[in-house]
Amino acid sequence: MTIRVNGETTECADGQTLLEFLEGRGLNVRSVVVEHNRSIVVADDLGSVRLVAGDELEILHFVGGG
């Protein structure tokens, strides 16, 4: 199915959770913030949110430095 991630169209499996989607892309779920359809999803809820066609995600990465 088709969803939008950071403004770009991408494909994902039907019924996939946010956690599965992020891990499938090699992302550390403890170092990103996810906005799902304009709502922030806390890390503990990533496994319970199922993606559906047309969903919009914004994924922000934390970067350390100094």
PDB file of N, CA and C in Angstrom:
ATOM      1  N   MET A   1       0.842  -1.176   0.000  1.00  0.00           N
ATOM      2  CA  MET A   1       0.000   0.000   0.000  1.00  0.00           C
ATOM      3  C   MET A   1       0.887   1.239   0.000  1.00  0.00           C
ATOM      4  N   THR A   2       0.318   2.352  -0.354  1.00  0.00           N
ATOM      5  CA  THR A   2       1.077   3.587  -0.489  1.00  0.00           C
ATOM      6  C   THR A   2       0.827   4.523   0.690  1.00  0.00           C
ATOM      7  N   ILE A   3       1.920   5.051   1.253  1.00  0.00           N
ATOM      8  CA  ILE A   3       1.859   6.077   2.292  1.00  0.00           C
ATOM      9  C   ILE A   3       2.850   7.178   1.913  1.00  0.00           C
ATOM     10  N   ARG A   4       2.831   8.282   2.655  1.00  0.00           N
ATOM     11  CA  ARG A   4       3.795   9.362   2.427  1.00  0.00           C
ATOM     12  C   ARG A   4       4.687   9.475   3.657  1.00  0.00           C
ATOM     13  N   VAL A   5       5.994   9.526   3.404  1.00  0.00           N
ATOM     14  CA  VAL A   5       6.979   9.651   4.475  1.00  0.00           C
ATOM     15  C   VAL A   5       7.853  10.856   4.167  1.00  0.00           C
ATOM     16  N   ASN A   6       7.825  11.827   5.068  1.00  0.00           N
ATOM     17  CA  ASN A   6       8.591  13.066   4.887  1.00  0.00           C
ATOM     18  C   ASN A   6       8.342  13.669   3.507  1.00  0.00           C
ATOM     19  N   GLY A   7       7.074  13.643   3.083  1.00  0.00           N
ATOM     20  CA  GLY A   7       6.677  14.269   1.832  1.00  0.00           C
ATOM     21  C   GLY A   7       6.859  13.427   0.587  1.00  0.00           C
ATOM     22  N   GLU A   8       7.404  12.220   0.722  1.00  0.00           N
ATOM     23  CA  GLU A   8       7.639  11.364  -0.443  1.00  0.00           C
ATOM     24  C   GLU A   8       6.781  10.104  -0.367  1.00  0.00           C
ATOM     25  N   THR A   9       6.264   9.686  -1.506  1.00  0.00           N
ATOM     26  CA  THR A   9       5.442   8.483  -1.582  1.00  0.00           C
ATOM     27  C   THR A   9       6.329   7.252  -1.441  1.00  0.00           C
ATOM     28  N   THR A  10       5.858   6.295  -0.632  1.00  0.00           N
ATOM     29  CA  THR A  10       6.586   5.040  -0.453  1.00  0.00           C
ATOM     30  C   THR A  10       5.587   3.907  -0.255  1.00  0.00           C
ATOM     31  N   GLU A  11       6.065   2.701  -0.397  1.00  0.00           N
ATOM     32  CA  GLU A  11       5.224   1.513  -0.230  1.00  0.00           C
ATOM     33  C   GLU A  11       5.534   0.836   1.102  1.00  0.00           C
ATOM     34  N   CYS A  12       4.505   0.223   1.682  1.00  0.00           N
ATOM     35  CA  CYS A  12       4.702  -0.597   2.880  1.00  0.00           C
ATOM     36  C   CYS A  12       3.675  -1.722   2.863  1.00  0.00           C
ATOM     37  N   ALA A  13       3.898  -2.708   3.705  1.00  0.00           N
ATOM     38  CA  ALA A  13       3.010  -3.871   3.763  1.00  0.00           C
ATOM     39  C   ALA A  13       1.677  -3.504   4.406  1.00  0.00           C
ATOM     40  N   ASP A  14       0.602  -4.115   3.923  1.00  0.00           N
ATOM     41  CA  ASP A  14      -0.715  -3.911   4.527  1.00  0.00           C
ATOM     42  C   ASP A  14      -0.689  -4.335   5.990  1.00  0.00           C
ATOM     43  N   GLY A  15      -1.268  -3.524   6.855  1.00  0.00           N
ATOM     44  CA  GLY A  15      -1.380  -3.863   8.262  1.00  0.00           C
ATOM     45  C   GLY A  15      -0.110  -3.731   9.068  1.00  0.00           C
ATOM     46  N   GLN A  16       0.930  -3.205   8.475  1.00  0.00           N
ATOM     47  CA  GLN A  16       2.214  -3.059   9.162  1.00  0.00           C
ATOM     48  C   GLN A  16       2.090  -2.017  10.276  1.00  0.00           C
ATOM     49  N   THR A  17       2.744  -2.280  11.403  1.00  0.00           N
ATOM     50  CA  THR A  17       2.751  -1.291  12.477  1.00  0.00           C
ATOM     51  C   THR A  17       3.848  -0.262  12.219  1.00  0.00           C
ATOM     52  N   LEU A  18       3.744   0.861  12.902  1.00  0.00           N
ATOM     53  CA  LEU A  18       4.796   1.873  12.802  1.00  0.00           C
ATOM     54  C   LEU A  18       6.131   1.295  13.240  1.00  0.00           C
ATOM     55  N   LEU A  19       6.132   0.501  14.292  1.00  0.00           N
ATOM     56  CA  LEU A  19       7.366  -0.111  14.780  1.00  0.00           C
ATOM     57  C   LEU A  19       7.992  -0.991  13.703  1.00  0.00           C
ATOM     58  N   GLU A  20       7.203  -1.847  13.076  1.00  0.00           N
ATOM     59  CA  GLU A  20       7.707  -2.717  12.009  1.00  0.00           C
ATOM     60  C   GLU A  20       8.242  -1.899  10.838  1.00  0.00           C
ATOM     61  N   PHE A  21       7.529  -0.838  10.481  1.00  0.00           N
ATOM     62  CA  PHE A  21       7.951   0.018   9.374  1.00  0.00           C
ATOM     63  C   PHE A  21       9.307   0.655   9.665  1.00  0.00           C
ATOM     64  N   LEU A  22       9.466   1.220  10.851  1.00  0.00           N
ATOM     65  CA  LEU A  22      10.719   1.885  11.215  1.00  0.00           C
ATOM     66  C   LEU A  22      11.876   0.896  11.305  1.00  0.00           C
ATOM     67  N   GLU A  23      11.651  -0.229  11.985  1.00  0.00           N
ATOM     68  CA  GLU A  23      12.711  -1.230  12.120  1.00  0.00           C
ATOM     69  C   GLU A  23      13.095  -1.810  10.760  1.00  0.00           C
ATOM     70  N   GLY A  24      12.131  -1.957   9.865  1.00  0.00           N
ATOM     71  CA  GLY A  24      12.400  -2.468   8.529  1.00  0.00           C
ATOM     72  C   GLY A  24      13.282  -1.542   7.707  1.00  0.00           C
ATOM     73  N   ARG A  25      13.346  -0.299   8.119  1.00  0.00           N
ATOM     74  CA  ARG A  25      14.205   0.681   7.452  1.00  0.00           C
ATOM     75  C   ARG A  25      15.483   0.947   8.227  1.00  0.00           C
ATOM     76  N   GLY A  26      15.732   0.107   9.239  1.00  0.00           N
ATOM     77  CA  GLY A  26      16.973   0.208   9.999  1.00  0.00           C
ATOM     78  C   GLY A  26      17.044   1.394  10.939  1.00  0.00           C
ATOM     79  N   LEU A  27      15.893   1.949  11.310  1.00  0.00           N
ATOM     80  CA  LEU A  27      15.883   3.111  12.197  1.00  0.00           C
ATOM     81  C   LEU A  27      15.813   2.678  13.655  1.00  0.00           C
ATOM     82  N   ASN A  28      16.563   3.356  14.494  1.00  0.00           N
ATOM     83  CA  ASN A  28      16.513   3.133  15.932  1.00  0.00           C
ATOM     84  C   ASN A  28      15.321   3.914  16.472  1.00  0.00           C
ATOM     85  N   VAL A  29      14.306   3.212  16.950  1.00  0.00           N
ATOM     86  CA  VAL A  29      13.070   3.873  17.366  1.00  0.00           C
ATOM     87  C   VAL A  29      13.256   4.768  18.584  1.00  0.00           C
ATOM     88  N   ARG A  30      14.366   4.621  19.278  1.00  0.00           N
ATOM     89  CA  ARG A  30      14.631   5.477  20.439  1.00  0.00           C
ATOM     90  C   ARG A  30      15.335   6.776  20.052  1.00  0.00           C
ATOM     91  N   SER A  31      15.687   6.911  18.775  1.00  0.00           N
ATOM     92  CA  SER A  31      16.368   8.140  18.356  1.00  0.00           C
ATOM     93  C   SER A  31      15.600   8.889  17.267  1.00  0.00           C
ATOM     94  N   VAL A  32      14.303   8.571  17.129  1.00  0.00           N
ATOM     95  CA  VAL A  32      13.464   9.299  16.179  1.00  0.00           C
ATOM     96  C   VAL A  32      12.170   9.732  16.863  1.00  0.00           C
ATOM     97  N   VAL A  33      11.557  10.754  16.303  1.00  0.00           N
ATOM     98  CA  VAL A  33      10.211  11.173  16.691  1.00  0.00           C
ATOM     99  C   VAL A  33       9.349  10.991  15.455  1.00  0.00           C
ATOM    100  N   VAL A  34       8.165  10.408  15.644  1.00  0.00           N
ATOM    101  CA  VAL A  34       7.289  10.130  14.509  1.00  0.00           C
ATOM    102  C   VAL A  34       5.977  10.891  14.665  1.00  0.00           C
ATOM    103  N   GLU A  35       5.634  11.614  13.601  1.00  0.00           N
ATOM    104  CA  GLU A  35       4.325  12.253  13.507  1.00  0.00           C
ATOM    105  C   GLU A  35       3.509  11.425  12.524  1.00  0.00           C
ATOM    106  N   HIS A  36       2.370  10.930  12.986  1.00  0.00           N
ATOM    107  CA  HIS A  36       1.487  10.086  12.170  1.00  0.00           C
ATOM    108  C   HIS A  36       0.180  10.842  11.963  1.00  0.00           C
ATOM    109  N   ASN A  37      -0.069  11.246  10.728  1.00  0.00           N
ATOM    110  CA  ASN A  37      -1.288  12.007  10.410  1.00  0.00           C
ATOM    111  C   ASN A  37      -1.463  13.208  11.341  1.00  0.00           C
ATOM    112  N   ARG A  38      -0.367  13.948  11.524  1.00  0.00           N
ATOM    113  CA  ARG A  38      -0.323  15.202  12.287  1.00  0.00           C
ATOM    114  C   ARG A  38      -0.406  15.030  13.802  1.00  0.00           C
ATOM    115  N   SER A  39      -0.220  13.805  14.295  1.00  0.00           N
ATOM    116  CA  SER A  39      -0.181  13.550  15.737  1.00  0.00           C
ATOM    117  C   SER A  39       1.127  12.861  16.082  1.00  0.00           C
ATOM    118  N   ILE A  40       1.786  13.338  17.141  1.00  0.00           N
ATOM    119  CA  ILE A  40       3.026  12.717  17.603  1.00  0.00           C
ATOM    120  C   ILE A  40       2.701  11.367  18.232  1.00  0.00           C
ATOM    121  N   VAL A  41       3.485  10.353  17.895  1.00  0.00           N
ATOM    122  CA  VAL A  41       3.318   9.014  18.468  1.00  0.00           C
ATOM    123  C   VAL A  41       4.481   8.775  19.425  1.00  0.00           C
ATOM    124  N   VAL A  42       4.171   8.494  20.696  1.00  0.00           N
ATOM    125  CA  VAL A  42       5.231   8.207  21.662  1.00  0.00           C
ATOM    126  C   VAL A  42       5.818   6.829  21.363  1.00  0.00           C
ATOM    127  N   ALA A  43       7.083   6.645  21.692  1.00  0.00           N
ATOM    128  CA  ALA A  43       7.811   5.417  21.353  1.00  0.00           C
ATOM    129  C   ALA A  43       7.095   4.162  21.849  1.00  0.00           C
ATOM    130  N   ASP A  44       6.502   4.215  23.027  1.00  0.00           N
ATOM    131  CA  ASP A  44       5.832   3.038  23.580  1.00  0.00           C
ATOM    132  C   ASP A  44       4.597   2.618  22.782  1.00  0.00           C
ATOM    133  N   ASP A  45       4.059   3.514  21.953  1.00  0.00           N
ATOM    134  CA  ASP A  45       2.857   3.203  21.176  1.00  0.00           C
ATOM    135  C   ASP A  45       3.142   2.793  19.732  1.00  0.00           C
ATOM    136  N   LEU A  46       4.398   2.805  19.317  1.00  0.00           N
ATOM    137  CA  LEU A  46       4.729   2.510  17.919  1.00  0.00           C
ATOM    138  C   LEU A  46       4.258   1.126  17.481  1.00  0.00           C
ATOM    139  N   GLY A  47       4.264   0.163  18.383  1.00  0.00           N
ATOM    140  CA  GLY A  47       3.850  -1.197  18.047  1.00  0.00           C
ATOM    141  C   GLY A  47       2.352  -1.383  17.954  1.00  0.00           C
ATOM    142  N   SER A  48       1.580  -0.406  18.415  1.00  0.00           N
ATOM    143  CA  SER A  48       0.125  -0.547  18.386  1.00  0.00           C
ATOM    144  C   SER A  48      -0.547   0.285  17.297  1.00  0.00           C
ATOM    145  N   VAL A  49       0.211   1.128  16.612  1.00  0.00           N
ATOM    146  CA  VAL A  49      -0.353   1.951  15.533  1.00  0.00           C
ATOM    147  C   VAL A  49      -0.149   1.229  14.204  1.00  0.00           C
ATOM    148  N   ARG A  50      -1.249   0.879  13.547  1.00  0.00           N
ATOM    149  CA  ARG A  50      -1.191   0.192  12.255  1.00  0.00           C
ATOM    150  C   ARG A  50      -1.329   1.213  11.127  1.00  0.00           C
ATOM    151  N   LEU A  51      -0.496   1.043  10.119  1.00  0.00           N
ATOM    152  CA  LEU A  51      -0.532   1.930   8.962  1.00  0.00           C
ATOM    153  C   LEU A  51      -1.646   1.518   8.010  1.00  0.00           C
ATOM    154  N   VAL A  52      -2.275   2.509   7.385  1.00  0.00           N
ATOM    155  CA  VAL A  52      -3.288   2.269   6.357  1.00  0.00           C
ATOM    156  C   VAL A  52      -2.947   3.133   5.145  1.00  0.00           C
ATOM    157  N   ALA A  53      -3.449   2.739   3.997  1.00  0.00           N
ATOM    158  CA  ALA A  53      -3.171   3.475   2.761  1.00  0.00           C
ATOM    159  C   ALA A  53      -3.524   4.946   2.931  1.00  0.00           C
ATOM    160  N   GLY A  54      -2.627   5.805   2.467  1.00  0.00           N
ATOM    161  CA  GLY A  54      -2.847   7.243   2.531  1.00  0.00           C
ATOM    162  C   GLY A  54      -2.315   7.911   3.780  1.00  0.00           C
ATOM    163  N   ASP A  55      -1.819   7.121   4.742  1.00  0.00           N
ATOM    164  CA  ASP A  55      -1.245   7.721   5.950  1.00  0.00           C
ATOM    165  C   ASP A  55      -0.080   8.634   5.589  1.00  0.00           C
ATOM    166  N   GLU A  56       0.143   9.632   6.446  1.00  0.00           N
ATOM    167  CA  GLU A  56       1.273  10.536   6.275  1.00  0.00           C
ATOM    168  C   GLU A  56       2.143  10.483   7.521  1.00  0.00           C
ATOM    169  N   LEU A  57       3.438  10.257   7.307  1.00  0.00           N
ATOM    170  CA  LEU A  57       4.405  10.211   8.401  1.00  0.00           C
ATOM    171  C   LEU A  57       5.447  11.302   8.208  1.00  0.00           C
ATOM    172  N   GLU A  58       5.865  11.881   9.308  1.00  0.00           N
ATOM    173  CA  GLU A  58       7.051  12.731   9.337  1.00  0.00           C
ATOM    174  C   GLU A  58       7.964  12.085  10.363  1.00  0.00           C
ATOM    175  N   ILE A  59       9.182  11.787   9.968  1.00  0.00           N
ATOM    176  CA  ILE A  59      10.145  11.136  10.853  1.00  0.00           C
ATOM    177  C   ILE A  59      11.306  12.092  11.068  1.00  0.00           C
ATOM    178  N   LEU A  60      11.524  12.454  12.325  1.00  0.00           N
ATOM    179  CA  LEU A  60      12.609  13.361  12.692  1.00  0.00           C
ATOM    180  C   LEU A  60      13.664  12.577  13.444  1.00  0.00           C
ATOM    181  N   HIS A  61      14.924  12.768  13.063  1.00  0.00           N
ATOM    182  CA  HIS A  61      16.042  12.060  13.672  1.00  0.00           C
ATOM    183  C   HIS A  61      16.762  12.970  14.657  1.00  0.00           C
ATOM    184  N   PHE A  62      17.139  12.418  15.805  1.00  0.00           N
ATOM    185  CA  PHE A  62      17.984  13.137  16.749  1.00  0.00           C
ATOM    186  C   PHE A  62      19.430  12.962  16.325  1.00  0.00           C
ATOM    187  N   VAL A  63      20.176  14.041  16.327  1.00  0.00           N
ATOM    188  CA  VAL A  63      21.588  13.997  15.969  1.00  0.00           C
ATOM    189  C   VAL A  63      22.372  14.700  17.062  1.00  0.00           C
ATOM    190  N   GLY A  64      23.352  13.996  17.618  1.00  0.00           N
ATOM    191  CA  GLY A  64      24.197  14.595  18.643  1.00  0.00           C
ATOM    192  C   GLY A  64      25.409  15.264  18.022  1.00  0.00           C
ATOM    193  N   GLY A  65      25.969  16.138  18.746  1.00  0.00           N
ATOM    194  CA  GLY A  65      27.166  16.806  18.241  1.00  0.00           C
ATOM    195  C   GLY A  65      27.572  17.930  19.171  1.00  0.00           C
ATOM    196  N   GLY A  66      28.623  18.551  18.809  1.00  0.00           N
ATOM    197  CA  GLY A  66      29.042  19.643  19.674  1.00  0.00           C
ATOM    198  C   GLY A  66      30.119  20.457  19.036  1.00  0.00           C
TER     199      GLY A  66
END
